C-alpha atoms as a PDB file:
ATOM      1  CA  MET A   1     116.037  89.901  91.151  1.00  0.00           C
ATOM      2  CA  LYS A   2     112.367  89.682  90.209  1.00  0.00           C
ATOM      3  CA  GLU A   3     111.680  93.071  91.849  1.00  0.00           C
ATOM      4  CA  VAL A   4     114.486  94.725  89.893  1.00  0.00           C
ATOM      5  CA  LYS A   5     113.205  93.360  86.616  1.00  0.00           C
ATOM      6  CA  ARG A   6     109.670  94.527  87.451  1.00  0.00           C
ATOM      7  CA  TYR A   7     110.947  98.033  88.277  1.00  0.00           C
ATOM      8  CA  LEU A   8     113.107  98.281  85.147  1.00  0.00           C
ATOM      9  CA  ALA A   9     110.185  97.166  82.999  1.00  0.00           C
ATOM     10  CA  SER A  10     107.842  99.802  84.449  1.00  0.00           C
ATOM     11  CA  THR A  11     107.647 103.526  83.678  1.00  0.00           C
ATOM     12  CA  ALA A  12     107.834 104.405  87.376  1.00  0.00           C
ATOM     13  CA  ALA A  13     110.211 107.214  88.340  1.00  0.00           C
ATOM     14  CA  VAL A  14     111.183 105.663  91.696  1.00  0.00           C
ATOM     15  CA  GLY A  15     111.375 102.201  93.121  1.00  0.00           C
ATOM     16  CA  GLU A  16     109.326 100.722  95.918  1.00  0.00           C
ATOM     17  CA  TYR A  17     112.015 101.280  98.539  1.00  0.00           C
ATOM     18  CA  LEU A  18     112.760 104.900  97.656  1.00  0.00           C
ATOM     19  CA  ALA A  19     109.107 105.960  97.515  1.00  0.00           C
ATOM     20  CA  ASP A  20     108.490 105.809 101.243  1.00  0.00           C
ATOM     21  CA  GLN A  21     111.614 107.910 101.893  1.00  0.00           C
ATOM     22  CA  LEU A  22     110.336 110.765  99.693  1.00  0.00           C
ATOM     23  CA  VAL A  23     107.162 111.327 101.682  1.00  0.00           C
ATOM     24  CA  LEU A  24     108.600 113.497 104.462  1.00  0.00           C
ATOM     25  CA  PRO A  25     110.743 115.760 102.233  1.00  0.00           C
ATOM     26  CA  MET A  26     107.756 116.328  99.940  1.00  0.00           C
ATOM     27  CA  ALA A  27     105.534 117.132 102.903  1.00  0.00           C
ATOM     28  CA  LEU A  28     108.037 119.601 104.313  1.00  0.00           C
ATOM     29  CA  ALA A  29     108.399 121.249 100.900  1.00  0.00           C
ATOM     30  CA  GLY A  30     104.613 121.369 100.539  1.00  0.00           C
ATOM     31  CA  ALA A  31     104.730 120.161  96.966  1.00  0.00           C
ATOM     32  CA  GLY A  32     105.934 117.360  94.757  1.00  0.00           C
ATOM     33  CA  GLU A  33     104.971 114.190  92.982  1.00  0.00           C
ATOM     34  CA  PHE A  34     106.453 110.954  91.749  1.00  0.00           C
ATOM     35  CA  THR A  35     105.367 107.668  90.259  1.00  0.00           C
ATOM     36  CA  VAL A  36     105.952 104.239  91.731  1.00  0.00           C
ATOM     37  CA  ALA A  37     105.222 100.843  90.213  1.00  0.00           C
ATOM     38  CA  HIS A  38     103.640  99.448  93.352  1.00  0.00           C
ATOM     39  CA  PRO A  39     102.835 101.427  96.550  1.00  0.00           C
ATOM     40  CA  SER A  40     104.157  99.352  99.404  1.00  0.00           C
ATOM     41  CA  CYS A  41     102.520  99.040 102.826  1.00  0.00           C
ATOM     42  CA  HIS A  42     105.433 101.024 104.200  1.00  0.00           C
ATOM     43  CA  LEU A  43     104.710 103.887 101.794  1.00  0.00           C
ATOM     44  CA  LEU A  44     101.051 103.941 102.765  1.00  0.00           C
ATOM     45  CA  THR A  45     101.934 103.870 106.464  1.00  0.00           C
ATOM     46  CA  ASN A  46     104.434 106.754 106.048  1.00  0.00           C
ATOM     47  CA  ILE A  47     101.812 108.822 104.260  1.00  0.00           C
ATOM     48  CA  ALA A  48      99.259 108.168 107.015  1.00  0.00           C
ATOM     49  CA  VAL A  49     101.727 109.151 109.748  1.00  0.00           C
ATOM     50  CA  VAL A  50     102.894 112.312 107.971  1.00  0.00           C
ATOM     51  CA  GLU A  51      99.296 113.391 107.318  1.00  0.00           C
ATOM     52  CA  ARG A  52      98.586 113.153 111.071  1.00  0.00           C
ATOM     53  CA  PHE A  53     101.480 115.428 112.012  1.00  0.00           C
ATOM     54  CA  LEU A  54     101.684 117.931 109.155  1.00  0.00           C
ATOM     55  CA  PRO A  55      98.982 119.966 107.361  1.00  0.00           C
ATOM     56  CA  VAL A  56      99.330 118.094 104.062  1.00  0.00           C
ATOM     57  CA  ARG A  57      97.218 115.541 102.177  1.00  0.00           C
ATOM     58  CA  PHE A  58      98.600 113.058  99.678  1.00  0.00           C
ATOM     59  CA  SER A  59      96.826 111.713  96.633  1.00  0.00           C
ATOM     60  CA  LEU A  60      97.504 108.298  95.069  1.00  0.00           C
ATOM     61  CA  ILE A  61      96.137 107.750  91.543  1.00  0.00           C
ATOM     62  CA  GLU A  62      96.813 104.584  89.612  1.00  0.00           C
ATOM     63  CA  THR A  63      97.069 104.877  85.818  1.00  0.00           C
ATOM     64  CA  ASP A  64      98.825 102.779  83.204  1.00  0.00           C
ATOM     65  CA  GLY A  65     100.313 100.346  85.697  1.00  0.00           C
ATOM     66  CA  VAL A  66     101.971 102.978  87.889  1.00  0.00           C
ATOM     67  CA  THR A  67     100.746 104.961  90.877  1.00  0.00           C
ATOM     68  CA  ARG A  68     101.213 108.737  90.951  1.00  0.00           C
ATOM     69  CA  VAL A  69     101.845 110.027  94.478  1.00  0.00           C
ATOM     70  CA  SER A  70     101.382 113.733  94.922  1.00  0.00           C
ATOM     71  CA  ILE A  71     100.496 116.394  97.453  1.00  0.00           C
ATOM     72  CA  GLU A  72      96.993 117.807  97.050  1.00  0.00           C
END
């Protein structure tokens, strides 16, 4: 319940559990971005794995309490 309240109080576009699932579709599309309240270890691992297999690089920039995840 605490996680739901934290997500609803944030300005993040997606939750912690959806964020890691968006990495591969974004990489295949070659573009995209979203904001997440807190980048999970699973999100960071997915980004690292995708970057090793596909010619894409992700950028994570934290501002105003949310992290913007985008393809460079």
